[in-house]
Amino acid sequence: MATDCLQLVRLLTEQSYSRSELGVVCRNIRRLVEDRRGSFSHTYKEANEAAHIMAHARTRWDERIVWLDRPPIYLVDRIKLDDVAANSVQ
């Protein structure tokens, strides 16, 4: 999972217990994913436009939408551009 919130990545990857309001939530997330492959990583805001688009689009939807096969083409295009941006920022 990639996020542009570096503090969240630190909370999710540190082994120490956080006393912040999110400490219990982060500990539960770590427990849920401990047996799965994957990681939490930081990405720059410029390389995370797809998440921004989904967050803003969600405020306009009246119901939950689930993509079982592929996301909408506008999002696929944005994800490709995000990948290019992520590689150029590093």
PDB file of N, CA and C in Angstrom:
ATOM      1  N   MET A   1       0.843  -1.153   0.000  1.00  0.00           N
ATOM      2  CA  MET A   1       0.000   0.000   0.000  1.00  0.00           C
ATOM      3  C   MET A   1       0.897   1.226   0.000  1.00  0.00           C
ATOM      4  N   ALA A   2       0.582   2.158  -0.846  1.00  0.00           N
ATOM      5  CA  ALA A   2       1.342   3.401  -0.892  1.00  0.00           C
ATOM      6  C   ALA A   2       0.454   4.553  -0.440  1.00  0.00           C
ATOM      7  N   THR A   3       1.041   5.461   0.293  1.00  0.00           N
ATOM      8  CA  THR A   3       0.326   6.637   0.750  1.00  0.00           C
ATOM      9  C   THR A   3       1.269   7.832   0.722  1.00  0.00           C
ATOM     10  N   ASP A   4       0.685   9.016   0.616  1.00  0.00           N
ATOM     11  CA  ASP A   4       1.535  10.211   0.639  1.00  0.00           C
ATOM     12  C   ASP A   4       1.675  10.755   2.061  1.00  0.00           C
ATOM     13  N   CYS A   5       1.202   9.997   3.040  1.00  0.00           N
ATOM     14  CA  CYS A   5       1.305  10.394   4.445  1.00  0.00           C
ATOM     15  C   CYS A   5       2.455   9.622   5.100  1.00  0.00           C
ATOM     16  N   LEU A   6       3.594  10.257   5.186  1.00  0.00           N
ATOM     17  CA  LEU A   6       4.779   9.603   5.745  1.00  0.00           C
ATOM     18  C   LEU A   6       4.557   9.200   7.203  1.00  0.00           C
ATOM     19  N   GLN A   7       3.844  10.005   7.957  1.00  0.00           N
ATOM     20  CA  GLN A   7       3.576   9.680   9.351  1.00  0.00           C
ATOM     21  C   GLN A   7       2.786   8.373   9.473  1.00  0.00           C
ATOM     22  N   LEU A   8       1.825   8.157   8.578  1.00  0.00           N
ATOM     23  CA  LEU A   8       1.055   6.911   8.597  1.00  0.00           C
ATOM     24  C   LEU A   8       1.947   5.719   8.284  1.00  0.00           C
ATOM     25  N   VAL A   9       2.828   5.857   7.316  1.00  0.00           N
ATOM     26  CA  VAL A   9       3.755   4.768   6.983  1.00  0.00           C
ATOM     27  C   VAL A   9       4.604   4.428   8.204  1.00  0.00           C
ATOM     28  N   ARG A  10       5.086   5.439   8.881  1.00  0.00           N
ATOM     29  CA  ARG A  10       5.907   5.189  10.087  1.00  0.00           C
ATOM     30  C   ARG A  10       5.088   4.483  11.171  1.00  0.00           C
ATOM     31  N   LEU A  11       3.855   4.924  11.372  1.00  0.00           N
ATOM     32  CA  LEU A  11       3.011   4.286  12.386  1.00  0.00           C
ATOM     33  C   LEU A  11       2.742   2.822  12.045  1.00  0.00           C
ATOM     34  N   LEU A  12       2.594   2.523  10.758  1.00  0.00           N
ATOM     35  CA  LEU A  12       2.283   1.158  10.351  1.00  0.00           C
ATOM     36  C   LEU A  12       3.504   0.255  10.286  1.00  0.00           C
ATOM     37  N   THR A  13       4.688   0.818  10.163  1.00  0.00           N
ATOM     38  CA  THR A  13       5.884  -0.019  10.016  1.00  0.00           C
ATOM     39  C   THR A  13       6.734  -0.111  11.275  1.00  0.00           C
ATOM     40  N   GLU A  14       6.551   0.803  12.205  1.00  0.00           N
ATOM     41  CA  GLU A  14       7.327   0.735  13.450  1.00  0.00           C
ATOM     42  C   GLU A  14       6.815  -0.403  14.319  1.00  0.00           C
ATOM     43  N   GLN A  15       7.721  -1.064  14.969  1.00  0.00           N
ATOM     44  CA  GLN A  15       7.341  -2.161  15.853  1.00  0.00           C
ATOM     45  C   GLN A  15       6.920  -1.670  17.231  1.00  0.00           C
ATOM     46  N   SER A  16       7.300  -0.461  17.561  1.00  0.00           N
ATOM     47  CA  SER A  16       6.937   0.069  18.873  1.00  0.00           C
ATOM     48  C   SER A  16       5.463   0.477  18.887  1.00  0.00           C
ATOM     49  N   TYR A  17       4.901   0.533  20.057  1.00  0.00           N
ATOM     50  CA  TYR A  17       3.499   0.891  20.221  1.00  0.00           C
ATOM     51  C   TYR A  17       3.360   2.406  20.242  1.00  0.00           C
ATOM     52  N   SER A  18       2.479   2.904  19.415  1.00  0.00           N
ATOM     53  CA  SER A  18       2.228   4.344  19.363  1.00  0.00           C
ATOM     54  C   SER A  18       1.134   4.703  20.362  1.00  0.00           C
ATOM     55  N   ARG A  19       1.335   5.777  21.097  1.00  0.00           N
ATOM     56  CA  ARG A  19       0.330   6.222  22.056  1.00  0.00           C
ATOM     57  C   ARG A  19      -0.636   7.247  21.451  1.00  0.00           C
ATOM     58  N   SER A  20      -0.527   7.464  20.148  1.00  0.00           N
ATOM     59  CA  SER A  20      -1.425   8.404  19.485  1.00  0.00           C
ATOM     60  C   SER A  20      -2.825   7.803  19.386  1.00  0.00           C
ATOM     61  N   GLU A  21      -3.769   8.623  18.958  1.00  0.00           N
ATOM     62  CA  GLU A  21      -5.148   8.152  18.798  1.00  0.00           C
ATOM     63  C   GLU A  21      -5.225   6.991  17.814  1.00  0.00           C
ATOM     64  N   LEU A  22      -4.299   6.964  16.885  1.00  0.00           N
ATOM     65  CA  LEU A  22      -4.305   5.916  15.864  1.00  0.00           C
ATOM     66  C   LEU A  22      -3.518   4.676  16.263  1.00  0.00           C
ATOM     67  N   GLY A  23      -2.910   4.693  17.427  1.00  0.00           N
ATOM     68  CA  GLY A  23      -2.064   3.587  17.848  1.00  0.00           C
ATOM     69  C   GLY A  23      -2.748   2.241  17.835  1.00  0.00           C
ATOM     70  N   VAL A  24      -3.938   2.170  18.385  1.00  0.00           N
ATOM     71  CA  VAL A  24      -4.675   0.900  18.434  1.00  0.00           C
ATOM     72  C   VAL A  24      -5.076   0.472  17.033  1.00  0.00           C
ATOM     73  N   VAL A  25      -5.510   1.409  16.227  1.00  0.00           N
ATOM     74  CA  VAL A  25      -5.908   1.098  14.858  1.00  0.00           C
ATOM     75  C   VAL A  25      -4.709   0.566  14.067  1.00  0.00           C
ATOM     76  N   CYS A  26      -3.575   1.239  14.183  1.00  0.00           N
ATOM     77  CA  CYS A  26      -2.372   0.805  13.463  1.00  0.00           C
ATOM     78  C   CYS A  26      -1.916  -0.568  13.933  1.00  0.00           C
ATOM     79  N   ARG A  27      -1.991  -0.829  15.220  1.00  0.00           N
ATOM     80  CA  ARG A  27      -1.611  -2.140  15.737  1.00  0.00           C
ATOM     81  C   ARG A  27      -2.530  -3.222  15.159  1.00  0.00           C
ATOM     82  N   ASN A  28      -3.826  -2.939  15.061  1.00  0.00           N
ATOM     83  CA  ASN A  28      -4.765  -3.901  14.484  1.00  0.00           C
ATOM     84  C   ASN A  28      -4.499  -4.122  12.993  1.00  0.00           C
ATOM     85  N   ILE A  29      -4.164  -3.071  12.279  1.00  0.00           N
ATOM     86  CA  ILE A  29      -3.825  -3.204  10.857  1.00  0.00           C
ATOM     87  C   ILE A  29      -2.592  -4.075  10.700  1.00  0.00           C
ATOM     88  N   ARG A  30      -1.576  -3.847  11.528  1.00  0.00           N
ATOM     89  CA  ARG A  30      -0.353  -4.671  11.452  1.00  0.00           C
ATOM     90  C   ARG A  30      -0.673  -6.136  11.705  1.00  0.00           C
ATOM     91  N   ARG A  31      -1.545  -6.408  12.657  1.00  0.00           N
ATOM     92  CA  ARG A  31      -1.927  -7.794  12.940  1.00  0.00           C
ATOM     93  C   ARG A  31      -2.648  -8.422  11.751  1.00  0.00           C
ATOM     94  N   LEU A  32      -3.524  -7.646  11.106  1.00  0.00           N
ATOM     95  CA  LEU A  32      -4.285  -8.171   9.973  1.00  0.00           C
ATOM     96  C   LEU A  32      -3.409  -8.506   8.771  1.00  0.00           C
ATOM     97  N   VAL A  33      -2.325  -7.779   8.604  1.00  0.00           N
ATOM     98  CA  VAL A  33      -1.491  -7.977   7.413  1.00  0.00           C
ATOM     99  C   VAL A  33      -0.211  -8.748   7.686  1.00  0.00           C
ATOM    100  N   GLU A  34       0.032  -9.164   8.907  1.00  0.00           N
ATOM    101  CA  GLU A  34       1.319  -9.787   9.228  1.00  0.00           C
ATOM    102  C   GLU A  34       1.571 -11.088   8.477  1.00  0.00           C
ATOM    103  N   ASP A  35       0.536 -11.804   8.085  1.00  0.00           N
ATOM    104  CA  ASP A  35       0.728 -13.068   7.368  1.00  0.00           C
ATOM    105  C   ASP A  35       0.590 -12.903   5.854  1.00  0.00           C
ATOM    106  N   ARG A  36       0.524 -11.687   5.393  1.00  0.00           N
ATOM    107  CA  ARG A  36       0.360 -11.425   3.969  1.00  0.00           C
ATOM    108  C   ARG A  36       1.627 -10.813   3.382  1.00  0.00           C
ATOM    109  N   ARG A  37       1.793 -11.027   2.092  1.00  0.00           N
ATOM    110  CA  ARG A  37       2.915 -10.395   1.404  1.00  0.00           C
ATOM    111  C   ARG A  37       2.525  -8.969   1.053  1.00  0.00           C
ATOM    112  N   GLY A  38       3.463  -8.090   1.093  1.00  0.00           N
ATOM    113  CA  GLY A  38       3.201  -6.700   0.754  1.00  0.00           C
ATOM    114  C   GLY A  38       3.906  -5.787   1.738  1.00  0.00           C
ATOM    115  N   SER A  39       3.728  -4.510   1.535  1.00  0.00           N
ATOM    116  CA  SER A  39       4.384  -3.553   2.412  1.00  0.00           C
ATOM    117  C   SER A  39       3.658  -2.220   2.376  1.00  0.00           C
ATOM    118  N   PHE A  40       4.022  -1.368   3.296  1.00  0.00           N
ATOM    119  CA  PHE A  40       3.524   0.003   3.344  1.00  0.00           C
ATOM    120  C   PHE A  40       4.670   0.898   2.888  1.00  0.00           C
ATOM    121  N   SER A  41       4.378   1.803   1.990  1.00  0.00           N
ATOM    122  CA  SER A  41       5.437   2.673   1.498  1.00  0.00           C
ATOM    123  C   SER A  41       4.933   4.095   1.309  1.00  0.00           C
ATOM    124  N   HIS A  42       5.878   5.004   1.345  1.00  0.00           N
ATOM    125  CA  HIS A  42       5.573   6.419   1.153  1.00  0.00           C
ATOM    126  C   HIS A  42       5.772   6.781  -0.307  1.00  0.00           C
ATOM    127  N   THR A  43       4.850   7.546  -0.839  1.00  0.00           N
ATOM    128  CA  THR A  43       4.993   8.089  -2.185  1.00  0.00           C
ATOM    129  C   THR A  43       4.691   9.576  -2.112  1.00  0.00           C
ATOM    130  N   TYR A  44       5.288  10.329  -2.986  1.00  0.00           N
ATOM    131  CA  TYR A  44       5.046  11.765  -2.978  1.00  0.00           C
ATOM    132  C   TYR A  44       3.664  12.073  -3.525  1.00  0.00           C
ATOM    133  N   LYS A  45       3.084  13.140  -3.043  1.00  0.00           N
ATOM    134  CA  LYS A  45       1.735  13.525  -3.442  1.00  0.00           C
ATOM    135  C   LYS A  45       1.601  13.596  -4.965  1.00  0.00           C
ATOM    136  N   GLU A  46       2.639  14.055  -5.633  1.00  0.00           N
ATOM    137  CA  GLU A  46       2.603  14.177  -7.092  1.00  0.00           C
ATOM    138  C   GLU A  46       2.444  12.822  -7.782  1.00  0.00           C
ATOM    139  N   ALA A  47       2.790  11.756  -7.091  1.00  0.00           N
ATOM    140  CA  ALA A  47       2.704  10.421  -7.669  1.00  0.00           C
ATOM    141  C   ALA A  47       1.530   9.633  -7.106  1.00  0.00           C
ATOM    142  N   ASN A  48       0.557  10.316  -6.538  1.00  0.00           N
ATOM    143  CA  ASN A  48      -0.571   9.636  -5.909  1.00  0.00           C
ATOM    144  C   ASN A  48      -1.894  10.275  -6.326  1.00  0.00           C
ATOM    145  N   GLU A  49      -1.947  10.741  -7.551  1.00  0.00           N
ATOM    146  CA  GLU A  49      -3.134  11.434  -8.055  1.00  0.00           C
ATOM    147  C   GLU A  49      -4.348  10.511  -8.145  1.00  0.00           C
ATOM    148  N   ALA A  50      -4.139   9.224  -8.410  1.00  0.00           N
ATOM    149  CA  ALA A  50      -5.268   8.287  -8.511  1.00  0.00           C
ATOM    150  C   ALA A  50      -6.043   8.236  -7.195  1.00  0.00           C
ATOM    151  N   ALA A  51      -5.356   8.197  -6.078  1.00  0.00           N
ATOM    152  CA  ALA A  51      -6.033   8.187  -4.777  1.00  0.00           C
ATOM    153  C   ALA A  51      -6.802   9.482  -4.558  1.00  0.00           C
ATOM    154  N   HIS A  52      -6.225  10.580  -4.987  1.00  0.00           N
ATOM    155  CA  HIS A  52      -6.877  11.881  -4.865  1.00  0.00           C
ATOM    156  C   HIS A  52      -8.176  11.906  -5.687  1.00  0.00           C
ATOM    157  N   ILE A  53      -8.123  11.393  -6.900  1.00  0.00           N
ATOM    158  CA  ILE A  53      -9.300  11.344  -7.767  1.00  0.00           C
ATOM    159  C   ILE A  53     -10.388  10.477  -7.147  1.00  0.00           C
ATOM    160  N   MET A  54     -10.020   9.306  -6.624  1.00  0.00           N
ATOM    161  CA  MET A  54     -11.016   8.420  -6.014  1.00  0.00           C
ATOM    162  C   MET A  54     -11.645   9.048  -4.781  1.00  0.00           C
ATOM    163  N   ALA A  55     -10.845   9.708  -3.966  1.00  0.00           N
ATOM    164  CA  ALA A  55     -11.377  10.329  -2.755  1.00  0.00           C
ATOM    165  C   ALA A  55     -12.386  11.419  -3.098  1.00  0.00           C
ATOM    166  N   HIS A  56     -12.083  12.226  -4.095  1.00  0.00           N
ATOM    167  CA  HIS A  56     -13.010  13.292  -4.474  1.00  0.00           C
ATOM    168  C   HIS A  56     -14.234  12.745  -5.200  1.00  0.00           C
ATOM    169  N   ALA A  57     -14.055  11.719  -6.013  1.00  0.00           N
ATOM    170  CA  ALA A  57     -15.185  11.123  -6.722  1.00  0.00           C
ATOM    171  C   ALA A  57     -16.152  10.479  -5.735  1.00  0.00           C
ATOM    172  N   ARG A  58     -15.634   9.903  -4.683  1.00  0.00           N
ATOM    173  CA  ARG A  58     -16.470   9.227  -3.680  1.00  0.00           C
ATOM    174  C   ARG A  58     -17.474  10.185  -3.049  1.00  0.00           C
ATOM    175  N   THR A  59     -17.110  11.420  -2.915  1.00  0.00           N
ATOM    176  CA  THR A  59     -18.039  12.387  -2.315  1.00  0.00           C
ATOM    177  C   THR A  59     -19.223  12.668  -3.232  1.00  0.00           C
ATOM    178  N   ARG A  60     -19.104  12.342  -4.513  1.00  0.00           N
ATOM    179  CA  ARG A  60     -20.201  12.575  -5.458  1.00  0.00           C
ATOM    180  C   ARG A  60     -21.061  11.332  -5.675  1.00  0.00           C
ATOM    181  N   TRP A  61     -20.611  10.162  -5.235  1.00  0.00           N
ATOM    182  CA  TRP A  61     -21.373   8.932  -5.435  1.00  0.00           C
ATOM    183  C   TRP A  61     -22.395   8.774  -4.324  1.00  0.00           C
ATOM    184  N   ASP A  62     -23.595   8.351  -4.676  1.00  0.00           N
ATOM    185  CA  ASP A  62     -24.648   8.147  -3.684  1.00  0.00           C
ATOM    186  C   ASP A  62     -24.632   6.742  -3.102  1.00  0.00           C
ATOM    187  N   GLU A  63     -23.934   5.839  -3.745  1.00  0.00           N
ATOM    188  CA  GLU A  63     -23.900   4.461  -3.282  1.00  0.00           C
ATOM    189  C   GLU A  63     -22.490   3.898  -3.409  1.00  0.00           C
ATOM    190  N   ARG A  64     -22.272   2.762  -2.789  1.00  0.00           N
ATOM    191  CA  ARG A  64     -20.960   2.127  -2.864  1.00  0.00           C
ATOM    192  C   ARG A  64     -20.762   1.525  -4.249  1.00  0.00           C
ATOM    193  N   ILE A  65     -19.574   1.646  -4.764  1.00  0.00           N
ATOM    194  CA  ILE A  65     -19.237   1.090  -6.071  1.00  0.00           C
ATOM    195  C   ILE A  65     -18.080   0.116  -5.882  1.00  0.00           C
ATOM    196  N   VAL A  66     -18.229  -1.075  -6.447  1.00  0.00           N
ATOM    197  CA  VAL A  66     -17.190  -2.099  -6.359  1.00  0.00           C
ATOM    198  C   VAL A  66     -16.765  -2.458  -7.773  1.00  0.00           C
ATOM    199  N   TRP A  67     -15.474  -2.408  -8.035  1.00  0.00           N
ATOM    200  CA  TRP A  67     -14.947  -2.800  -9.335  1.00  0.00           C
ATOM    201  C   TRP A  67     -14.453  -4.228  -9.220  1.00  0.00           C
ATOM    202  N   LEU A  68     -15.149  -5.158  -9.857  1.00  0.00           N
ATOM    203  CA  LEU A  68     -14.770  -6.563  -9.763  1.00  0.00           C
ATOM    204  C   LEU A  68     -13.721  -6.950 -10.797  1.00  0.00           C
ATOM    205  N   ASP A  69     -13.692  -6.265 -11.906  1.00  0.00           N
ATOM    206  CA  ASP A  69     -12.762  -6.627 -12.964  1.00  0.00           C
ATOM    207  C   ASP A  69     -11.673  -5.577 -13.109  1.00  0.00           C
ATOM    208  N   ARG A  70     -12.035  -4.436 -13.610  1.00  0.00           N
ATOM    209  CA  ARG A  70     -11.064  -3.359 -13.827  1.00  0.00           C
ATOM    210  C   ARG A  70     -11.652  -2.039 -13.359  1.00  0.00           C
ATOM    211  N   PRO A  71     -10.807  -1.147 -12.918  1.00  0.00           N
ATOM    212  CA  PRO A  71     -11.299   0.197 -12.570  1.00  0.00           C
ATOM    213  C   PRO A  71     -11.653   0.960 -13.847  1.00  0.00           C
ATOM    214  N   PRO A  72     -12.366   2.063 -13.720  1.00  0.00           N
ATOM    215  CA  PRO A  72     -12.718   2.864 -14.899  1.00  0.00           C
ATOM    216  C   PRO A  72     -11.465   3.321 -15.645  1.00  0.00           C
ATOM    217  N   ILE A  73     -11.615   3.512 -16.950  1.00  0.00           N
ATOM    218  CA  ILE A  73     -10.471   3.847 -17.798  1.00  0.00           C
ATOM    219  C   ILE A  73      -9.773   5.135 -17.352  1.00  0.00           C
ATOM    220  N   TYR A  74     -10.548   6.132 -16.884  1.00  0.00           N
ATOM    221  CA  TYR A  74      -9.906   7.373 -16.441  1.00  0.00           C
ATOM    222  C   TYR A  74      -8.970   7.119 -15.262  1.00  0.00           C
ATOM    223  N   LEU A  75      -9.296   6.136 -14.441  1.00  0.00           N
ATOM    224  CA  LEU A  75      -8.452   5.820 -13.303  1.00  0.00           C
ATOM    225  C   LEU A  75      -7.232   4.992 -13.733  1.00  0.00           C
ATOM    226  N   VAL A  76      -7.433   4.088 -14.673  1.00  0.00           N
ATOM    227  CA  VAL A  76      -6.308   3.294 -15.186  1.00  0.00           C
ATOM    228  C   VAL A  76      -5.267   4.221 -15.803  1.00  0.00           C
ATOM    229  N   ASP A  77      -5.725   5.184 -16.592  1.00  0.00           N
ATOM    230  CA  ASP A  77      -4.803   6.146 -17.196  1.00  0.00           C
ATOM    231  C   ASP A  77      -4.050   6.931 -16.122  1.00  0.00           C
ATOM    232  N   ARG A  78      -4.742   7.334 -15.070  1.00  0.00           N
ATOM    233  CA  ARG A  78      -4.112   8.115 -14.006  1.00  0.00           C
ATOM    234  C   ARG A  78      -3.091   7.270 -13.244  1.00  0.00           C
ATOM    235  N   ILE A  79      -3.407   6.000 -13.027  1.00  0.00           N
ATOM    236  CA  ILE A  79      -2.481   5.106 -12.333  1.00  0.00           C
ATOM    237  C   ILE A  79      -1.190   4.959 -13.128  1.00  0.00           C
ATOM    238  N   LYS A  80      -1.315   4.847 -14.446  1.00  0.00           N
ATOM    239  CA  LYS A  80      -0.124   4.757 -15.294  1.00  0.00           C
ATOM    240  C   LYS A  80       0.712   6.023 -15.171  1.00  0.00           C
ATOM    241  N   LEU A  81       0.051   7.184 -15.174  1.00  0.00           N
ATOM    242  CA  LEU A  81       0.780   8.445 -15.028  1.00  0.00           C
ATOM    243  C   LEU A  81       1.414   8.554 -13.647  1.00  0.00           C
ATOM    244  N   ASP A  82       0.717   8.063 -12.610  1.00  0.00           N
ATOM    245  CA  ASP A  82       1.285   8.070 -11.257  1.00  0.00           C
ATOM    246  C   ASP A  82       2.563   7.255 -11.198  1.00  0.00           C
ATOM    247  N   ASP A  83       2.573   6.118 -11.892  1.00  0.00           N
ATOM    248  CA  ASP A  83       3.769   5.275 -11.906  1.00  0.00           C
ATOM    249  C   ASP A  83       4.941   6.015 -12.545  1.00  0.00           C
ATOM    250  N   VAL A  84       4.676   6.721 -13.630  1.00  0.00           N
ATOM    251  CA  VAL A  84       5.724   7.519 -14.280  1.00  0.00           C
ATOM    252  C   VAL A  84       6.204   8.610 -13.339  1.00  0.00           C
ATOM    253  N   ALA A  85       5.265   9.301 -12.666  1.00  0.00           N
ATOM    254  CA  ALA A  85       5.636  10.371 -11.739  1.00  0.00           C
ATOM    255  C   ALA A  85       6.445   9.826 -10.570  1.00  0.00           C
ATOM    256  N   ALA A  86       6.049   8.678 -10.044  1.00  0.00           N
ATOM    257  CA  ALA A  86       6.776   8.087  -8.911  1.00  0.00           C
ATOM    258  C   ALA A  86       8.209   7.770  -9.292  1.00  0.00           C
ATOM    259  N   ASN A  87       8.393   7.266 -10.484  1.00  0.00           N
ATOM    260  CA  ASN A  87       9.745   6.916 -10.927  1.00  0.00           C
ATOM    261  C   ASN A  87      10.587   8.143 -11.234  1.00  0.00           C
ATOM    262  N   SER A  88       9.957   9.233 -11.618  1.00  0.00           N
ATOM    263  CA  SER A  88      10.733  10.430 -11.932  1.00  0.00           C
ATOM    264  C   SER A  88      11.055  11.248 -10.684  1.00  0.00           C
ATOM    265  N   VAL A  89      10.258  11.099  -9.606  1.00  0.00           N
ATOM    266  CA  VAL A  89      10.498  11.837  -8.361  1.00  0.00           C
ATOM    267  C   VAL A  89      11.662  11.234  -7.597  1.00  0.00           C
ATOM    268  N   GLN A  90      11.825   9.929  -7.664  1.00  0.00           N
ATOM    269  CA  GLN A  90      12.860   9.251  -6.873  1.00  0.00           C
ATOM    270  C   GLN A  90      14.220   9.509  -7.378  1.00  0.00           C
TER     271      GLN A  90
END
